[in-house]
């Protein structure tokens, strides 16, 4: 083969190989977006095992983008204070609307978050009692939890939104029980309130430990501390189903719990993640997330659908925060500097 022939052959072979080889131009990888979630501690399993993975699949299918959710769980009030203090969460999922309103007052949530479906609420439950297997103390309701010799657990309302619900349930139950004992006879408002304060005082005397969050309180109960735990029904249901050695008592008088979610506008805009944050909150209102909540022990947001949707009967004398005057009024009345619960704790501690 001559030099000229070899040169022509080499050029031809090179051209042929070039057609077979993949292009060396860089292929752009699918974009990964970050979403920062601050949530109260109770629904951690619902988010980590079900809702977050489902949203990631949903977003990937819709946009082709991967989502990395950086989640933080803790006591609701502590999470709200952290966000106000600079924890730059794109979405806040908290125990009570009052905690979201604190973020609004700090200027970090600027939209009307209550315009979302169900007034911005994404999950619901009731306050219930957990007792040891076989119910050795014979607890059937609030008066039993207030008996001398019964050790009670619930978290600290100063840090935990769940604890605020617990205290509200006890106080509201006291009002309902006063009305029931009156048998339809009119009672002076002062007399009704006095019985509610008495019930709350007697239960508080029995409180053994007040942890920082609802989840910590359940952990303490599972370590064998206390006879009764006051907590969300949805904290207890999955544990009982998994074989934990305790039982659930839902008092006839208890409060309807609703938990809000909202985009934290300032931080979501700073991270250029508003579209992602809004989509996540919308997903929480959607059927897949709602089904996951119910599967894990929450109740449907429509409380009147409770029996049909979850086989859980509605408590006979269920009440709402609105029945007690709304969050602002209840928060000041019970948890303010001169609030009823605040004074009760001071008095019980002194004794």
C-alpha atoms as a PDB file:
ATOM      1  CA  UNK A   1       0.000   0.000   0.000  1.00  0.00           C
ATOM      2  CA  UNK A   2       1.459   3.364  -1.042  1.00  0.00           C
ATOM      3  CA  UNK A   3       1.714   6.343   1.330  1.00  0.00           C
ATOM      4  CA  UNK A   4      -1.076   8.100  -0.595  1.00  0.00           C
ATOM      5  CA  UNK A   5      -3.328   5.045  -0.349  1.00  0.00           C
ATOM      6  CA  UNK A   6      -2.673   4.721   3.396  1.00  0.00           C
ATOM      7  CA  UNK A   7      -3.518   8.407   3.903  1.00  0.00           C
ATOM      8  CA  UNK A   8      -6.832   8.121   2.045  1.00  0.00           C
ATOM      9  CA  UNK A   9      -7.720   4.947   3.972  1.00  0.00           C
ATOM     10  CA  UNK A  10      -6.897   6.579   7.302  1.00  0.00           C
ATOM     11  CA  UNK A  11      -9.049   9.609   6.579  1.00  0.00           C
ATOM     12  CA  UNK A  12     -11.959   7.405   5.538  1.00  0.00           C
ATOM     13  CA  UNK A  13     -11.648   5.233   8.652  1.00  0.00           C
ATOM     14  CA  UNK A  14     -11.518   8.307  10.870  1.00  0.00           C
ATOM     15  CA  UNK A  15     -14.672   9.713   9.313  1.00  0.00           C
ATOM     16  CA  UNK A  16     -16.479   6.384   9.749  1.00  0.00           C
ATOM     17  CA  UNK A  17     -15.472   6.116  13.417  1.00  0.00           C
ATOM     18  CA  UNK A  18     -16.581   9.696  13.994  1.00  0.00           C
ATOM     19  CA  UNK A  19     -20.061   8.798  12.807  1.00  0.00           C
ATOM     20  CA  UNK A  20     -20.197   5.852  15.229  1.00  0.00           C
ATOM     21  CA  UNK A  21     -18.887   7.630  18.331  1.00  0.00           C
ATOM     22  CA  UNK A  22     -21.332   9.595  20.553  1.00  0.00           C
ATOM     23  CA  UNK A  23     -21.151  13.333  20.404  1.00  0.00           C
ATOM     24  CA  UNK A  24     -18.755  14.912  22.845  1.00  0.00           C
ATOM     25  CA  UNK A  25     -21.077  17.905  23.384  1.00  0.00           C
ATOM     26  CA  UNK A  26     -22.138  18.101  27.074  1.00  0.00           C
ATOM     27  CA  UNK A  27     -25.615  16.777  27.904  1.00  0.00           C
ATOM     28  CA  UNK A  28     -27.409  18.941  30.481  1.00  0.00           C
ATOM     29  CA  UNK A  29     -28.434  16.943  33.547  1.00  0.00           C
ATOM     30  CA  UNK A  30     -31.962  17.224  34.869  1.00  0.00           C
ATOM     31  CA  UNK A  31     -32.207  20.231  37.205  1.00  0.00           C
ATOM     32  CA  UNK A  32     -32.477  19.605  40.932  1.00  0.00           C
ATOM     33  CA  UNK A  33     -34.523  22.116  42.911  1.00  0.00           C
ATOM     34  CA  UNK A  34     -34.355  22.637  46.667  1.00  0.00           C
ATOM     35  CA  UNK A  35     -37.374  23.126  48.931  1.00  0.00           C
ATOM     36  CA  UNK A  36     -36.956  23.937  52.618  1.00  0.00           C
ATOM     37  CA  UNK A  37     -39.792  22.674  54.822  1.00  0.00           C
ATOM     38  CA  UNK A  38     -40.337  23.604  58.479  1.00  0.00           C
ATOM     39  CA  UNK A  39     -42.973  21.421  60.129  1.00  0.00           C
ATOM     40  CA  UNK A  40     -44.242  20.602  63.584  1.00  0.00           C
ATOM     41  CA  UNK A  41     -43.062  17.249  64.898  1.00  0.00           C
ATOM     42  CA  UNK A  42     -46.217  15.129  64.952  1.00  0.00           C
ATOM     43  CA  UNK A  43     -46.715  14.375  61.222  1.00  0.00           C
ATOM     44  CA  UNK A  44     -43.041  13.603  60.480  1.00  0.00           C
ATOM     45  CA  UNK A  45     -43.752  10.042  59.312  1.00  0.00           C
ATOM     46  CA  UNK A  46     -46.579  11.184  57.052  1.00  0.00           C
ATOM     47  CA  UNK A  47     -44.236  13.578  55.280  1.00  0.00           C
ATOM     48  CA  UNK A  48     -41.067  11.514  55.139  1.00  0.00           C
ATOM     49  CA  UNK A  49     -42.626   8.186  54.171  1.00  0.00           C
ATOM     50  CA  UNK A  50     -45.517   9.252  51.987  1.00  0.00           C
ATOM     51  CA  UNK A  51     -46.154  12.883  51.125  1.00  0.00           C
ATOM     52  CA  UNK A  52     -42.667  14.126  50.232  1.00  0.00           C
ATOM     53  CA  UNK A  53     -41.836  11.125  47.988  1.00  0.00           C
ATOM     54  CA  UNK A  54     -45.251  11.443  46.316  1.00  0.00           C
ATOM     55  CA  UNK A  55     -44.685  15.149  45.666  1.00  0.00           C
ATOM     56  CA  UNK A  56     -41.220  14.473  44.270  1.00  0.00           C
ATOM     57  CA  UNK A  57     -42.713  11.989  41.793  1.00  0.00           C
ATOM     58  CA  UNK A  58     -45.485  14.440  40.917  1.00  0.00           C
ATOM     59  CA  UNK A  59     -43.065  17.313  40.265  1.00  0.00           C
ATOM     60  CA  UNK A  60     -40.663  15.140  38.284  1.00  0.00           C
ATOM     61  CA  UNK A  61     -43.474  13.930  36.039  1.00  0.00           C
ATOM     62  CA  UNK A  62     -44.810  17.454  35.580  1.00  0.00           C
ATOM     63  CA  UNK A  63     -41.549  19.352  35.008  1.00  0.00           C
ATOM     64  CA  UNK A  64     -38.730  16.848  34.587  1.00  0.00           C
ATOM     65  CA  UNK A  65     -37.011  18.387  37.618  1.00  0.00           C
ATOM     66  CA  UNK A  66     -35.848  16.542  40.710  1.00  0.00           C
ATOM     67  CA  UNK A  67     -36.760  18.015  44.091  1.00  0.00           C
ATOM     68  CA  UNK A  68     -34.566  17.798  47.162  1.00  0.00           C
ATOM     69  CA  UNK A  69     -36.667  18.547  50.245  1.00  0.00           C
ATOM     70  CA  UNK A  70     -34.674  19.743  53.229  1.00  0.00           C
ATOM     71  CA  UNK A  71     -37.070  19.193  56.122  1.00  0.00           C
ATOM     72  CA  UNK A  72     -36.925  20.246  59.754  1.00  0.00           C
ATOM     73  CA  UNK A  73     -39.317  18.997  62.446  1.00  0.00           C
ATOM     74  CA  UNK A  74     -39.861  20.385  65.916  1.00  0.00           C
ATOM     75  CA  UNK A  75     -42.346  21.957  68.282  1.00  0.00           C
ATOM     76  CA  UNK A  76     -44.696  24.226  66.352  1.00  0.00           C
ATOM     77  CA  UNK A  77     -44.070  27.367  68.370  1.00  0.00           C
ATOM     78  CA  UNK A  78     -40.322  26.810  68.255  1.00  0.00           C
ATOM     79  CA  UNK A  79     -40.459  26.374  64.474  1.00  0.00           C
ATOM     80  CA  UNK A  80     -42.412  29.609  64.075  1.00  0.00           C
ATOM     81  CA  UNK A  81     -39.892  31.481  66.217  1.00  0.00           C
ATOM     82  CA  UNK A  82     -37.003  29.965  64.249  1.00  0.00           C
ATOM     83  CA  UNK A  83     -38.527  31.139  60.954  1.00  0.00           C
ATOM     84  CA  UNK A  84     -39.013  34.622  62.375  1.00  0.00           C
ATOM     85  CA  UNK A  85     -35.436  34.513  63.628  1.00  0.00           C
ATOM     86  CA  UNK A  86     -33.962  33.676  60.227  1.00  0.00           C
ATOM     87  CA  UNK A  87     -34.527  29.983  59.492  1.00  0.00           C
ATOM     88  CA  UNK A  88     -35.344  30.454  55.816  1.00  0.00           C
ATOM     89  CA  UNK A  89     -38.040  27.835  55.254  1.00  0.00           C
ATOM     90  CA  UNK A  90     -39.972  28.089  51.993  1.00  0.00           C
ATOM     91  CA  UNK A  91     -43.021  26.370  53.501  1.00  0.00           C
ATOM     92  CA  UNK A  92     -44.290  26.290  57.089  1.00  0.00           C
ATOM     93  CA  UNK A  93     -46.555  23.443  58.233  1.00  0.00           C
ATOM     94  CA  UNK A  94     -47.506  24.167  61.821  1.00  0.00           C
ATOM     95  CA  UNK A  95     -49.798  22.926  64.539  1.00  0.00           C
ATOM     96  CA  UNK A  96     -52.030  25.955  64.815  1.00  0.00           C
ATOM     97  CA  UNK A  97     -52.951  29.065  62.899  1.00  0.00           C
ATOM     98  CA  UNK A  98     -51.700  31.332  65.661  1.00  0.00           C
ATOM     99  CA  UNK A  99     -48.139  30.224  64.907  1.00  0.00           C
ATOM    100  CA  UNK A 100     -48.586  31.044  61.215  1.00  0.00           C
ATOM    101  CA  UNK A 101     -50.013  34.423  62.184  1.00  0.00           C
ATOM    102  CA  UNK A 102     -46.843  35.197  64.139  1.00  0.00           C
ATOM    103  CA  UNK A 103     -44.874  34.740  60.909  1.00  0.00           C
ATOM    104  CA  UNK A 104     -47.383  37.009  59.155  1.00  0.00           C
ATOM    105  CA  UNK A 105     -46.888  39.690  61.823  1.00  0.00           C
ATOM    106  CA  UNK A 106     -43.128  39.441  61.259  1.00  0.00           C
ATOM    107  CA  UNK A 107     -43.722  40.347  57.603  1.00  0.00           C
ATOM    108  CA  UNK A 108     -42.416  37.059  56.185  1.00  0.00           C
ATOM    109  CA  UNK A 109     -45.776  35.716  54.969  1.00  0.00           C
ATOM    110  CA  UNK A 110     -47.324  38.458  52.862  1.00  0.00           C
ATOM    111  CA  UNK A 111     -50.178  36.709  51.044  1.00  0.00           C
ATOM    112  CA  UNK A 112     -53.587  35.824  52.515  1.00  0.00           C
ATOM    113  CA  UNK A 113     -52.820  32.208  53.335  1.00  0.00           C
ATOM    114  CA  UNK A 114     -56.391  31.585  54.525  1.00  0.00           C
ATOM    115  CA  UNK A 115     -57.665  31.903  50.935  1.00  0.00           C
ATOM    116  CA  UNK A 116     -56.398  28.387  50.247  1.00  0.00           C
ATOM    117  CA  UNK A 117     -58.908  25.486  50.428  1.00  0.00           C
ATOM    118  CA  UNK A 118     -60.303  24.781  53.907  1.00  0.00           C
ATOM    119  CA  UNK A 119     -59.071  28.165  55.084  1.00  0.00           C
ATOM    120  CA  UNK A 120     -55.446  27.119  54.664  1.00  0.00           C
ATOM    121  CA  UNK A 121     -55.791  23.979  56.801  1.00  0.00           C
ATOM    122  CA  UNK A 122     -54.301  20.738  55.493  1.00  0.00           C
ATOM    123  CA  UNK A 123     -54.938  18.158  58.246  1.00  0.00           C
ATOM    124  CA  UNK A 124     -57.332  17.527  61.123  1.00  0.00           C
ATOM    125  CA  UNK A 125     -57.587  15.467  64.292  1.00  0.00           C
ATOM    126  CA  UNK A 126     -58.989  15.533  67.828  1.00  0.00           C
ATOM    127  CA  UNK A 127     -57.327  15.571  71.236  1.00  0.00           C
ATOM    128  CA  UNK A 128     -57.377  12.093  72.764  1.00  0.00           C
ATOM    129  CA  UNK A 129     -56.022  10.195  75.756  1.00  0.00           C
ATOM    130  CA  UNK A 130     -53.545   7.337  75.583  1.00  0.00           C
ATOM    131  CA  UNK A 131     -53.569   4.848  78.464  1.00  0.00           C
ATOM    132  CA  UNK A 132     -51.624   1.704  79.309  1.00  0.00           C
ATOM    133  CA  UNK A 133     -52.765  -1.668  77.976  1.00  0.00           C
ATOM    134  CA  UNK A 134     -55.861  -2.830  79.836  1.00  0.00           C
ATOM    135  CA  UNK A 135     -56.476   0.713  81.118  1.00  0.00           C
ATOM    136  CA  UNK A 136     -55.385  -0.135  84.688  1.00  0.00           C
ATOM    137  CA  UNK A 137     -56.418   3.287  86.027  1.00  0.00           C
ATOM    138  CA  UNK A 138     -59.919   2.978  84.538  1.00  0.00           C
ATOM    139  CA  UNK A 139     -59.689   6.254  82.633  1.00  0.00           C
ATOM    140  CA  UNK A 140     -62.778   7.039  80.563  1.00  0.00           C
ATOM    141  CA  UNK A 141     -62.607  10.816  80.325  1.00  0.00           C
ATOM    142  CA  UNK A 142     -61.227  14.042  81.705  1.00  0.00           C
ATOM    143  CA  UNK A 143     -62.529  13.659  85.251  1.00  0.00           C
ATOM    144  CA  UNK A 144     -60.645  10.373  85.522  1.00  0.00           C
ATOM    145  CA  UNK A 145     -57.433  12.014  84.299  1.00  0.00           C
ATOM    146  CA  UNK A 146     -57.937  14.588  87.065  1.00  0.00           C
ATOM    147  CA  UNK A 147     -58.223  12.015  89.877  1.00  0.00           C
ATOM    148  CA  UNK A 148     -55.507  12.007  92.549  1.00  0.00           C
ATOM    149  CA  UNK A 149     -52.871   9.365  91.868  1.00  0.00           C
ATOM    150  CA  UNK A 150     -53.154   9.453  88.061  1.00  0.00           C
ATOM    151  CA  UNK A 151     -49.955  10.641  86.368  1.00  0.00           C
ATOM    152  CA  UNK A 152     -50.548  12.682  83.200  1.00  0.00           C
ATOM    153  CA  UNK A 153     -48.247  13.754  80.365  1.00  0.00           C
ATOM    154  CA  UNK A 154     -48.624  16.529  77.846  1.00  0.00           C
ATOM    155  CA  UNK A 155     -46.021  18.894  76.361  1.00  0.00           C
ATOM    156  CA  UNK A 156     -45.375  22.495  77.320  1.00  0.00           C
ATOM    157  CA  UNK A 157     -47.681  25.056  75.645  1.00  0.00           C
ATOM    158  CA  UNK A 158     -44.840  27.584  75.774  1.00  0.00           C
ATOM    159  CA  UNK A 159     -43.027  25.588  73.081  1.00  0.00           C
ATOM    160  CA  UNK A 160     -45.586  23.190  71.616  1.00  0.00           C
ATOM    161  CA  UNK A 161     -48.649  24.031  69.561  1.00  0.00           C
ATOM    162  CA  UNK A 162     -49.939  20.541  70.271  1.00  0.00           C
ATOM    163  CA  UNK A 163     -49.824  21.301  73.974  1.00  0.00           C
ATOM    164  CA  UNK A 164     -51.947  24.386  73.405  1.00  0.00           C
ATOM    165  CA  UNK A 165     -54.536  22.166  71.752  1.00  0.00           C
ATOM    166  CA  UNK A 166     -54.325  19.800  74.753  1.00  0.00           C
ATOM    167  CA  UNK A 167     -54.947  22.560  77.282  1.00  0.00           C
ATOM    168  CA  UNK A 168     -57.752  24.004  75.160  1.00  0.00           C
ATOM    169  CA  UNK A 169     -59.345  20.547  75.024  1.00  0.00           C
ATOM    170  CA  UNK A 170     -59.280  20.252  78.816  1.00  0.00           C
ATOM    171  CA  UNK A 171     -60.615  23.755  79.414  1.00  0.00           C
ATOM    172  CA  UNK A 172     -63.320  23.425  76.753  1.00  0.00           C
ATOM    173  CA  UNK A 173     -64.279  20.019  78.124  1.00  0.00           C
ATOM    174  CA  UNK A 174     -64.722  21.638  81.521  1.00  0.00           C
ATOM    175  CA  UNK A 175     -67.178  24.094  79.982  1.00  0.00           C
ATOM    176  CA  UNK A 176     -69.088  21.284  78.274  1.00  0.00           C
ATOM    177  CA  UNK A 177     -69.183  19.153  81.425  1.00  0.00           C
ATOM    178  CA  UNK A 178     -70.495  22.095  83.447  1.00  0.00           C
ATOM    179  CA  UNK A 179     -73.340  22.547  80.970  1.00  0.00           C
ATOM    180  CA  UNK A 180     -74.087  18.824  81.013  1.00  0.00           C
ATOM    181  CA  UNK A 181     -74.207  18.674  84.803  1.00  0.00           C
ATOM    182  CA  UNK A 182     -76.620  21.596  84.822  1.00  0.00           C
ATOM    183  CA  UNK A 183     -79.079  19.419  82.917  1.00  0.00           C
ATOM    184  CA  UNK A 184     -80.325  22.244  80.759  1.00  0.00           C
ATOM    185  CA  UNK A 185     -80.732  24.673  83.626  1.00  0.00           C
ATOM    186  CA  UNK A 186     -79.220  28.108  82.999  1.00  0.00           C
ATOM    187  CA  UNK A 187     -75.836  28.699  84.601  1.00  0.00           C
ATOM    188  CA  UNK A 188     -74.045  31.983  85.096  1.00  0.00           C
ATOM    189  CA  UNK A 189     -71.008  32.245  82.787  1.00  0.00           C
ATOM    190  CA  UNK A 190     -68.817  32.673  85.850  1.00  0.00           C
ATOM    191  CA  UNK A 191     -70.030  29.366  87.279  1.00  0.00           C
ATOM    192  CA  UNK A 192     -69.351  27.545  84.012  1.00  0.00           C
ATOM    193  CA  UNK A 193     -65.871  29.056  83.711  1.00  0.00           C
ATOM    194  CA  UNK A 194     -65.122  28.208  87.336  1.00  0.00           C
ATOM    195  CA  UNK A 195     -65.781  24.514  86.707  1.00  0.00           C
ATOM    196  CA  UNK A 196     -63.561  24.596  83.620  1.00  0.00           C
ATOM    197  CA  UNK A 197     -60.723  26.174  85.605  1.00  0.00           C
ATOM    198  CA  UNK A 198     -61.202  23.571  88.336  1.00  0.00           C
ATOM    199  CA  UNK A 199     -60.853  20.710  85.842  1.00  0.00           C
ATOM    200  CA  UNK A 200     -57.776  22.256  84.250  1.00  0.00           C
ATOM    201  CA  UNK A 201     -56.228  22.785  87.689  1.00  0.00           C
ATOM    202  CA  UNK A 202     -56.836  19.207  88.798  1.00  0.00           C
ATOM    203  CA  UNK A 203     -55.367  17.782  85.590  1.00  0.00           C
ATOM    204  CA  UNK A 204     -52.342  20.089  85.800  1.00  0.00           C
ATOM    205  CA  UNK A 205     -51.641  18.884  89.340  1.00  0.00           C
ATOM    206  CA  UNK A 206     -51.311  15.393  87.891  1.00  0.00           C
ATOM    207  CA  UNK A 207     -48.915  16.369  85.098  1.00  0.00           C
ATOM    208  CA  UNK A 208     -45.666  14.471  85.583  1.00  0.00           C
ATOM    209  CA  UNK A 209     -43.603  15.831  82.671  1.00  0.00           C
ATOM    210  CA  UNK A 210     -44.072  18.651  80.151  1.00  0.00           C
ATOM    211  CA  UNK A 211     -41.747  17.992  77.206  1.00  0.00           C
ATOM    212  CA  UNK A 212     -40.911  20.502  74.478  1.00  0.00           C
ATOM    213  CA  UNK A 213     -43.004  18.846  71.747  1.00  0.00           C
ATOM    214  CA  UNK A 214     -45.809  16.373  71.211  1.00  0.00           C
ATOM    215  CA  UNK A 215     -43.382  13.840  69.769  1.00  0.00           C
ATOM    216  CA  UNK A 216     -41.075  14.080  72.790  1.00  0.00           C
ATOM    217  CA  UNK A 217     -44.080  13.625  75.070  1.00  0.00           C
ATOM    218  CA  UNK A 218     -45.050  10.395  73.289  1.00  0.00           C
ATOM    219  CA  UNK A 219     -41.454   9.166  73.562  1.00  0.00           C
ATOM    220  CA  UNK A 220     -41.539   9.806  77.312  1.00  0.00           C
ATOM    221  CA  UNK A 221     -44.810   7.878  77.601  1.00  0.00           C
ATOM    222  CA  UNK A 222     -43.307   4.976  75.661  1.00  0.00           C
ATOM    223  CA  UNK A 223     -40.440   4.861  78.149  1.00  0.00           C
ATOM    224  CA  UNK A 224     -43.019   3.965  80.797  1.00  0.00           C
ATOM    225  CA  UNK A 225     -43.533   7.376  82.390  1.00  0.00           C
ATOM    226  CA  UNK A 226     -47.109   8.328  83.297  1.00  0.00           C
ATOM    227  CA  UNK A 227     -50.516   6.664  83.246  1.00  0.00           C
ATOM    228  CA  UNK A 228     -52.202   8.944  80.695  1.00  0.00           C
ATOM    229  CA  UNK A 229     -50.891  10.980  77.786  1.00  0.00           C
ATOM    230  CA  UNK A 230     -52.909  13.849  76.318  1.00  0.00           C
ATOM    231  CA  UNK A 231     -52.091  14.166  72.630  1.00  0.00           C
ATOM    232  CA  UNK A 232     -53.377  14.101  69.073  1.00  0.00           C
ATOM    233  CA  UNK A 233     -55.485  11.079  68.202  1.00  0.00           C
ATOM    234  CA  UNK A 234     -53.333  10.614  65.095  1.00  0.00           C
ATOM    235  CA  UNK A 235     -50.230  10.223  67.270  1.00  0.00           C
ATOM    236  CA  UNK A 236     -51.813   7.236  68.981  1.00  0.00           C
ATOM    237  CA  UNK A 237     -53.646   5.391  66.196  1.00  0.00           C
ATOM    238  CA  UNK A 238     -50.616   4.226  64.158  1.00  0.00           C
ATOM    239  CA  UNK A 239     -48.817   3.099  67.302  1.00  0.00           C
ATOM    240  CA  UNK A 240     -51.735   1.046  68.544  1.00  0.00           C
ATOM    241  CA  UNK A 241     -52.081  -0.518  65.075  1.00  0.00           C
ATOM    242  CA  UNK A 242     -48.400  -1.451  65.154  1.00  0.00           C
ATOM    243  CA  UNK A 243     -48.857  -3.268  68.459  1.00  0.00           C
ATOM    244  CA  UNK A 244     -47.705  -0.710  71.016  1.00  0.00           C
ATOM    245  CA  UNK A 245     -49.055  -1.673  74.461  1.00  0.00           C
ATOM    246  CA  UNK A 246     -51.564   1.072  75.068  1.00  0.00           C
ATOM    247  CA  UNK A 247     -55.131   2.051  74.258  1.00  0.00           C
ATOM    248  CA  UNK A 248     -56.922   5.147  72.993  1.00  0.00           C
ATOM    249  CA  UNK A 249     -59.683   6.977  74.821  1.00  0.00           C
ATOM    250  CA  UNK A 250     -61.462   9.741  72.900  1.00  0.00           C
ATOM    251  CA  UNK A 251     -63.410  11.783  75.465  1.00  0.00           C
ATOM    252  CA  UNK A 252     -66.965  12.765  74.585  1.00  0.00           C
ATOM    253  CA  UNK A 253     -65.875  16.371  75.162  1.00  0.00           C
ATOM    254  CA  UNK A 254     -62.860  17.283  73.049  1.00  0.00           C
ATOM    255  CA  UNK A 255     -61.639  19.838  70.542  1.00  0.00           C
ATOM    256  CA  UNK A 256     -61.475  19.612  66.754  1.00  0.00           C
ATOM    257  CA  UNK A 257     -57.883  20.239  65.653  1.00  0.00           C
ATOM    258  CA  UNK A 258     -56.923  21.815  62.326  1.00  0.00           C
ATOM    259  CA  UNK A 259     -53.335  22.311  61.159  1.00  0.00           C
ATOM    260  CA  UNK A 260     -52.275  24.978  58.619  1.00  0.00           C
ATOM    261  CA  UNK A 261     -49.653  25.193  55.882  1.00  0.00           C
ATOM    262  CA  UNK A 262     -48.403  28.314  54.114  1.00  0.00           C
ATOM    263  CA  UNK A 263     -45.713  29.521  51.747  1.00  0.00           C
ATOM    264  CA  UNK A 264     -43.232  31.800  53.517  1.00  0.00           C
ATOM    265  CA  UNK A 265     -43.162  34.458  50.795  1.00  0.00           C
ATOM    266  CA  UNK A 266     -39.963  36.270  51.727  1.00  0.00           C
ATOM    267  CA  UNK A 267     -37.819  33.154  51.830  1.00  0.00           C
ATOM    268  CA  UNK A 268     -39.445  31.397  48.866  1.00  0.00           C
ATOM    269  CA  UNK A 269     -38.837  34.487  46.720  1.00  0.00           C
ATOM    270  CA  UNK A 270     -35.278  34.810  47.988  1.00  0.00           C
ATOM    271  CA  UNK A 271     -34.596  31.216  46.918  1.00  0.00           C
ATOM    272  CA  UNK A 272     -36.474  31.669  43.614  1.00  0.00           C
ATOM    273  CA  UNK A 273     -38.625  28.750  44.744  1.00  0.00           C
ATOM    274  CA  UNK A 274     -42.091  30.313  44.867  1.00  0.00           C
ATOM    275  CA  UNK A 275     -43.458  28.051  42.120  1.00  0.00           C
ATOM    276  CA  UNK A 276     -42.157  24.975  43.929  1.00  0.00           C
ATOM    277  CA  UNK A 277     -43.387  26.107  47.351  1.00  0.00           C
ATOM    278  CA  UNK A 278     -46.854  26.957  46.040  1.00  0.00           C
ATOM    279  CA  UNK A 279     -47.043  23.619  44.243  1.00  0.00           C
ATOM    280  CA  UNK A 280     -46.117  21.780  47.444  1.00  0.00           C
ATOM    281  CA  UNK A 281     -48.798  23.525  49.495  1.00  0.00           C
ATOM    282  CA  UNK A 282     -51.347  22.855  46.737  1.00  0.00           C
ATOM    283  CA  UNK A 283     -50.274  19.195  46.770  1.00  0.00           C
ATOM    284  CA  UNK A 284     -50.969  19.035  50.517  1.00  0.00           C
ATOM    285  CA  UNK A 285     -54.568  20.020  49.795  1.00  0.00           C
ATOM    286  CA  UNK A 286     -54.875  17.430  47.021  1.00  0.00           C
ATOM    287  CA  UNK A 287     -56.336  13.911  47.166  1.00  0.00           C
ATOM    288  CA  UNK A 288     -53.047  11.992  47.373  1.00  0.00           C
ATOM    289  CA  UNK A 289     -51.735  13.870  50.400  1.00  0.00           C
ATOM    290  CA  UNK A 290     -55.155  13.917  52.054  1.00  0.00           C
ATOM    291  CA  UNK A 291     -55.441  10.140  51.648  1.00  0.00           C
ATOM    292  CA  UNK A 292     -51.992   9.759  53.223  1.00  0.00           C
ATOM    293  CA  UNK A 293     -53.021  11.879  56.208  1.00  0.00           C
ATOM    294  CA  UNK A 294     -56.153   9.785  56.792  1.00  0.00           C
ATOM    295  CA  UNK A 295     -54.198   6.543  56.359  1.00  0.00           C
ATOM    296  CA  UNK A 296     -51.838   7.665  59.121  1.00  0.00           C
ATOM    297  CA  UNK A 297     -54.550   8.495  61.640  1.00  0.00           C
ATOM    298  CA  UNK A 298     -55.664  12.023  60.814  1.00  0.00           C
ATOM    299  CA  UNK A 299     -59.324  12.784  60.173  1.00  0.00           C
ATOM    300  CA  UNK A 300     -60.785  14.258  56.984  1.00  0.00           C
ATOM    301  CA  UNK A 301     -60.923  18.051  57.023  1.00  0.00           C
ATOM    302  CA  UNK A 302     -64.692  17.767  56.700  1.00  0.00           C
ATOM    303  CA  UNK A 303     -65.369  16.535  60.236  1.00  0.00           C
ATOM    304  CA  UNK A 304     -68.908  15.523  59.311  1.00  0.00           C
ATOM    305  CA  UNK A 305     -67.439  12.979  56.891  1.00  0.00           C
ATOM    306  CA  UNK A 306     -65.401  11.404  59.676  1.00  0.00           C
ATOM    307  CA  UNK A 307     -67.443   8.272  60.281  1.00  0.00           C
ATOM    308  CA  UNK A 308     -67.738   7.364  56.611  1.00  0.00           C
ATOM    309  CA  UNK A 309     -64.151   8.185  55.701  1.00  0.00           C
ATOM    310  CA  UNK A 310     -62.249   6.777  58.663  1.00  0.00           C
ATOM    311  CA  UNK A 311     -64.723   4.634  60.662  1.00  0.00           C
ATOM    312  CA  UNK A 312     -63.917   6.915  63.621  1.00  0.00           C
ATOM    313  CA  UNK A 313     -67.094   8.200  65.285  1.00  0.00           C
ATOM    314  CA  UNK A 314     -67.390  11.869  66.085  1.00  0.00           C
ATOM    315  CA  UNK A 315     -67.179  12.657  69.807  1.00  0.00           C
ATOM    316  CA  UNK A 316     -70.614  13.478  71.198  1.00  0.00           C
ATOM    317  CA  UNK A 317     -69.769  16.976  72.419  1.00  0.00           C
ATOM    318  CA  UNK A 318     -67.072  17.981  69.958  1.00  0.00           C
ATOM    319  CA  UNK A 319     -66.241  21.696  69.882  1.00  0.00           C
ATOM    320  CA  UNK A 320     -64.015  23.965  67.812  1.00  0.00           C
ATOM    321  CA  UNK A 321     -61.680  26.829  68.565  1.00  0.00           C
ATOM    322  CA  UNK A 322     -64.294  29.146  67.054  1.00  0.00           C
ATOM    323  CA  UNK A 323     -66.808  27.936  69.655  1.00  0.00           C
ATOM    324  CA  UNK A 324     -64.468  29.302  72.323  1.00  0.00           C
ATOM    325  CA  UNK A 325     -64.062  32.696  70.670  1.00  0.00           C
ATOM    326  CA  UNK A 326     -61.206  32.134  68.208  1.00  0.00           C
ATOM    327  CA  UNK A 327     -57.448  31.892  68.562  1.00  0.00           C
ATOM    328  CA  UNK A 328     -56.706  35.441  69.655  1.00  0.00           C
ATOM    329  CA  UNK A 329     -59.217  35.323  72.483  1.00  0.00           C
ATOM    330  CA  UNK A 330     -58.324  31.802  73.613  1.00  0.00           C
ATOM    331  CA  UNK A 331     -54.585  32.419  73.428  1.00  0.00           C
ATOM    332  CA  UNK A 332     -54.799  35.490  75.641  1.00  0.00           C
ATOM    333  CA  UNK A 333     -57.323  33.946  78.006  1.00  0.00           C
ATOM    334  CA  UNK A 334     -55.336  30.771  78.631  1.00  0.00           C
ATOM    335  CA  UNK A 335     -51.701  31.407  77.736  1.00  0.00           C
ATOM    336  CA  UNK A 336     -51.132  35.142  78.164  1.00  0.00           C
ATOM    337  CA  UNK A 337     -49.018  36.564  80.977  1.00  0.00           C
ATOM    338  CA  UNK A 338     -52.152  36.646  83.157  1.00  0.00           C
ATOM    339  CA  UNK A 339     -53.814  33.701  81.425  1.00  0.00           C
ATOM    340  CA  UNK A 340     -55.698  30.989  83.275  1.00  0.00           C
ATOM    341  CA  UNK A 341     -53.262  28.189  82.450  1.00  0.00           C
ATOM    342  CA  UNK A 342     -50.277  30.442  83.173  1.00  0.00           C
ATOM    343  CA  UNK A 343     -51.596  31.203  86.664  1.00  0.00           C
ATOM    344  CA  UNK A 344     -52.553  27.568  87.296  1.00  0.00           C
ATOM    345  CA  UNK A 345     -49.019  26.397  86.502  1.00  0.00           C
ATOM    346  CA  UNK A 346     -47.558  29.062  88.782  1.00  0.00           C
ATOM    347  CA  UNK A 347     -49.858  28.022  91.631  1.00  0.00           C
ATOM    348  CA  UNK A 348     -49.263  24.293  91.148  1.00  0.00           C
ATOM    349  CA  UNK A 349     -45.494  24.813  90.994  1.00  0.00           C
ATOM    350  CA  UNK A 350     -45.512  26.781  94.259  1.00  0.00           C
ATOM    351  CA  UNK A 351     -47.330  23.972  96.024  1.00  0.00           C
END
